[in-house]
Amino acid sequence: MADTAIFDVDGTLVDTNYQHALAWYQAFRRFDITLPVWRLHRAIGMGGDQLVPHVAGDDVEQRLGEDLRQAWEEEFDGMIDSVAPFEGARELLAEVKDRGFRLVLASSGKAKHVDRFLDLVGGKDIADAWTTSEDAEASKPAPDLVQVALEKVEGKDAVMIGDSTWDAVAAGRAGIPTIAVRTGGFSAEELTEAGAIAVVESLTDLRDGLDDTPLARPGR
């Protein structure tokens, strides 16, 4: 039985994936590199250190990696006011907490962004812990962040709730199952192939069906 729920933040609790994709698109364009937005979107969920070589190759990473990440941050900062929480985010977190699970909000984002997003969902008032990019040496799809999230609350068994294929891969490498939500724009097939044990359309659907997941009430 799980004792800990680890929630991804970007794309799962708050609607950011397309802003991230467009910010990366504009960042690459600053350096005369034009990449299809759909390809960038499919890499969202990776850490920036992983994303640049994944979409543009090792040579671009070596030459421009740090500059591209700085450009992405500037572009994303200009879009952050458009970010909103997904319907039912706060209610889902409250329901999971009420069921007695330890609650960790796991993000590999920059601390200033994570603070903003946690405020949008009231996360600081309800979560037992949260993470930022400063908490793990390697970003997703490496398992480090998921492992750190579990360690922060001294959990024994966890379930991950995420929106991207990279969430499922990272959690799988940590030996943790993932419930995937389609809020990030990935297909059910992509998420299942990445290792998700279940895929739901929305946070409200997940809340309605919690008793059919590892987050069921004790005794169910």
Protein backbone atom coordinates (compact mmCIF):
# COMPACT_ATOMS: atom_id res chain seq x y z
CA MET A 1 0.00 0.00 0.00
CA ALA A 2 1.26 3.48 -0.86
CA ASP A 3 1.81 5.89 1.99
CA THR A 4 2.95 8.86 -0.13
CA ALA A 5 1.51 10.73 -3.09
CA ILE A 6 4.07 12.59 -5.23
CA PHE A 7 2.45 15.18 -7.49
CA ASP A 8 4.28 16.71 -10.41
CA VAL A 9 3.49 20.43 -10.62
CA ASP A 10 4.07 21.80 -14.15
CA GLY A 11 1.46 20.44 -16.54
CA THR A 12 -0.22 18.40 -13.81
CA LEU A 13 -1.49 20.92 -11.26
CA VAL A 14 -0.92 24.09 -13.29
CA ASP A 15 -1.39 24.58 -17.04
CA THR A 16 2.14 25.41 -18.24
CA ASN A 17 3.23 22.93 -20.90
CA TYR A 18 2.41 25.02 -23.94
CA GLN A 19 3.97 28.12 -22.44
CA HIS A 20 7.10 26.05 -21.83
CA ALA A 21 7.10 24.82 -25.43
CA LEU A 22 6.68 28.32 -26.84
CA ALA A 23 9.34 29.72 -24.51
CA TRP A 24 11.79 27.10 -25.75
CA TYR A 25 10.82 27.85 -29.35
CA GLN A 26 11.55 31.54 -28.88
CA ALA A 27 14.77 30.78 -27.00
CA PHE A 28 16.11 28.67 -29.88
CA ARG A 29 15.03 31.30 -32.39
CA ARG A 30 17.28 33.83 -30.62
CA PHE A 31 20.17 31.70 -31.87
CA ASP A 32 18.73 31.18 -35.37
CA ILE A 33 17.62 27.63 -34.58
CA THR A 34 14.05 26.84 -35.59
CA LEU A 35 12.55 23.65 -34.17
CA PRO A 36 8.97 22.41 -34.62
CA VAL A 37 6.87 23.33 -31.61
CA TRP A 38 5.32 19.85 -31.55
CA ARG A 39 8.78 18.35 -31.08
CA LEU A 40 9.55 20.76 -28.26
CA HIS A 41 6.24 19.92 -26.63
CA ARG A 42 7.09 16.23 -26.62
CA ALA A 43 10.23 17.04 -24.62
CA ILE A 44 8.43 19.11 -21.97
CA GLY A 45 8.80 17.41 -18.62
CA MET A 46 12.52 16.94 -19.09
CA GLY A 47 14.92 19.18 -17.24
CA GLY A 48 16.42 21.92 -19.38
CA ASP A 49 19.84 20.27 -19.19
CA GLN A 50 18.32 17.17 -20.77
CA LEU A 51 15.97 18.93 -23.18
CA VAL A 52 18.51 20.89 -25.21
CA PRO A 53 20.62 17.91 -26.35
CA HIS A 54 17.47 15.80 -26.77
CA VAL A 55 15.88 18.18 -29.28
CA ALA A 56 18.92 19.89 -30.82
CA GLY A 57 21.87 17.55 -30.34
CA ASP A 58 25.00 17.43 -28.22
CA ASP A 59 26.82 20.03 -30.31
CA VAL A 60 24.17 22.67 -29.63
CA GLU A 61 24.23 21.77 -25.94
CA GLN A 62 27.99 22.20 -25.78
CA ARG A 63 27.98 25.50 -27.66
CA LEU A 64 24.78 27.13 -26.45
CA GLY A 65 23.25 25.11 -23.64
CA GLU A 66 23.58 27.62 -20.83
CA ASP A 67 22.67 30.56 -23.06
CA LEU A 68 19.58 28.72 -24.31
CA ARG A 69 18.43 27.98 -20.78
CA GLN A 70 18.88 31.63 -19.82
CA ALA A 71 16.91 32.67 -22.88
CA TRP A 72 14.16 30.16 -22.05
CA GLU A 73 13.90 31.58 -18.53
CA GLU A 74 13.51 35.11 -19.86
CA GLU A 75 10.87 34.02 -22.37
CA PHE A 76 8.95 31.98 -19.82
CA ASP A 77 9.03 34.79 -17.26
CA GLY A 78 7.21 36.91 -19.83
CA MET A 79 4.41 34.34 -20.07
CA ILE A 80 4.04 33.38 -16.43
CA ASP A 81 1.07 35.66 -15.76
CA SER A 82 -0.98 33.52 -18.18
CA VAL A 83 -0.50 30.36 -16.09
CA ALA A 84 -3.57 29.10 -14.23
CA PRO A 85 -4.26 26.04 -12.08
CA PHE A 86 -6.21 23.16 -13.56
CA GLU A 87 -9.79 22.72 -12.41
CA GLY A 88 -9.95 20.68 -9.23
CA ALA A 89 -6.24 20.87 -8.38
CA ARG A 90 -6.66 22.13 -4.83
CA GLU A 91 -9.63 19.85 -4.17
CA LEU A 92 -7.69 16.78 -5.33
CA LEU A 93 -4.72 17.61 -3.12
CA ALA A 94 -7.05 18.12 -0.14
CA GLU A 95 -8.80 14.80 -0.79
CA VAL A 96 -5.53 12.88 -1.01
CA LYS A 97 -4.26 14.53 2.18
CA ASP A 98 -7.55 13.80 3.95
CA ARG A 99 -7.08 10.12 3.14
CA GLY A 100 -3.93 10.10 5.23
CA PHE A 101 -1.27 10.09 2.53
CA ARG A 102 1.94 12.07 2.82
CA LEU A 103 1.84 14.70 0.12
CA VAL A 104 4.85 15.94 -1.84
CA LEU A 105 4.71 18.43 -4.71
CA ALA A 106 7.68 17.53 -6.90
CA SER A 107 8.96 20.05 -9.41
CA SER A 108 12.30 20.37 -11.16
CA GLY A 109 11.48 24.01 -11.94
CA LYS A 110 13.28 27.08 -10.71
CA ALA A 111 12.41 28.05 -7.15
CA LYS A 112 10.79 31.35 -8.19
CA HIS A 113 8.48 29.52 -10.59
CA VAL A 114 7.65 26.76 -8.11
CA ASP A 115 6.76 29.36 -5.47
CA ARG A 116 4.38 31.03 -7.90
CA PHE A 117 2.69 27.78 -8.89
CA LEU A 118 2.36 26.48 -5.33
CA ASP A 119 0.61 29.73 -4.45
CA LEU A 120 -1.84 29.17 -7.33
CA VAL A 121 -2.98 25.83 -5.88
CA GLY A 122 -2.49 26.63 -2.19
CA GLY A 123 0.19 23.97 -2.11
CA LYS A 124 2.32 25.35 0.69
CA ASP A 125 -0.59 25.15 3.12
CA ILE A 126 -1.37 21.51 2.43
CA ALA A 127 1.76 19.71 1.22
CA ASP A 128 4.18 18.01 3.61
CA ALA A 129 7.09 18.97 1.34
CA TRP A 130 7.98 20.18 -2.12
CA THR A 131 11.01 20.22 -4.38
CA THR A 132 12.69 22.51 -6.90
CA SER A 133 15.57 22.16 -9.32
CA GLU A 134 17.94 22.78 -6.42
CA ASP A 135 17.03 19.46 -4.77
CA ALA A 136 18.42 16.98 -7.31
CA GLU A 137 21.66 16.66 -9.24
CA ALA A 138 20.06 15.06 -12.30
CA SER A 139 16.72 16.16 -13.77
CA LYS A 140 13.98 14.03 -15.30
CA PRO A 141 13.97 11.47 -16.85
CA ALA A 142 16.59 10.57 -14.21
CA PRO A 143 14.89 9.29 -11.03
CA ASP A 144 16.71 11.63 -8.64
CA LEU A 145 13.90 14.14 -8.08
CA VAL A 146 11.33 11.42 -7.39
CA GLN A 147 13.66 9.75 -4.92
CA VAL A 148 14.34 13.06 -3.17
CA ALA A 149 10.61 13.73 -2.94
CA LEU A 150 10.04 10.41 -1.17
CA GLU A 151 13.00 10.95 1.14
CA LYS A 152 11.76 14.40 2.18
CA VAL A 153 8.76 12.83 3.93
CA GLU A 154 10.44 9.56 4.89
CA GLY A 155 7.91 7.64 2.83
CA LYS A 156 8.22 3.93 2.16
CA ASP A 157 5.95 3.40 -0.85
CA ALA A 158 4.69 6.08 -3.20
CA VAL A 159 2.62 6.71 -6.26
CA MET A 160 3.49 9.45 -8.76
CA ILE A 161 0.84 11.64 -10.36
CA GLY A 162 2.20 13.30 -13.50
CA ASP A 163 1.29 14.51 -16.95
CA SER A 164 4.27 13.69 -19.15
CA THR A 165 6.00 10.59 -20.41
CA TRP A 166 9.12 11.80 -18.60
CA ASP A 167 7.29 11.74 -15.27
CA ALA A 168 6.41 8.10 -15.82
CA VAL A 169 9.92 7.18 -16.94
CA ALA A 170 11.56 8.94 -13.98
CA ALA A 171 9.17 7.37 -11.48
CA GLY A 172 9.60 3.95 -13.08
CA ARG A 173 13.36 4.19 -12.69
CA ALA A 174 12.75 4.90 -9.00
CA GLY A 175 10.47 1.86 -8.72
CA ILE A 176 7.37 4.00 -8.26
CA PRO A 177 4.14 3.60 -10.29
CA THR A 178 2.61 6.57 -12.09
CA ILE A 179 -0.97 7.67 -12.55
CA ALA A 180 -0.92 9.93 -15.60
CA VAL A 181 -3.25 12.83 -16.28
CA ARG A 182 -3.70 14.02 -19.86
CA THR A 183 -3.47 17.67 -18.83
CA GLY A 184 0.01 17.95 -20.35
CA GLY A 185 -1.14 17.14 -23.87
CA PHE A 186 0.33 13.64 -24.16
CA SER A 187 -1.80 10.81 -25.53
CA ALA A 188 -3.00 7.91 -23.42
CA GLU A 189 -0.93 5.57 -25.61
CA GLU A 190 2.27 7.60 -25.08
CA LEU A 191 1.74 7.69 -21.33
CA THR A 192 0.98 3.98 -21.08
CA GLU A 193 4.00 3.07 -23.18
CA ALA A 194 6.14 5.20 -20.86
CA GLY A 195 4.98 3.07 -17.94
CA ALA A 196 1.86 4.73 -16.50
CA ILE A 197 -0.38 2.21 -14.73
CA ALA A 198 -3.48 4.33 -15.39
CA VAL A 199 -4.38 7.36 -17.50
CA VAL A 200 -7.19 9.82 -16.73
CA GLU A 201 -8.44 12.84 -18.63
CA SER A 202 -8.48 15.40 -15.83
CA LEU A 203 -7.83 16.04 -12.16
CA THR A 204 -11.55 15.97 -11.45
CA ASP A 205 -11.81 12.55 -13.09
CA LEU A 206 -8.90 11.35 -10.97
CA ARG A 207 -10.55 12.60 -7.79
CA ASP A 208 -13.81 10.88 -8.71
CA GLY A 209 -11.98 7.60 -9.30
CA LEU A 210 -9.43 7.64 -6.48
CA ASP A 211 -10.80 4.47 -4.94
CA ASP A 212 -9.80 2.57 -8.07
CA THR A 213 -6.15 3.67 -7.69
CA PRO A 214 -3.33 3.11 -5.17
CA LEU A 215 -4.72 6.24 -3.45
CA ALA A 216 -7.89 4.44 -2.37
CA ARG A 217 -9.13 4.95 1.16
CA PRO A 218 -7.59 2.44 3.59
CA GLY A 219 -9.62 -0.76 3.66
CA ARG A 220 -11.01 -0.36 0.14
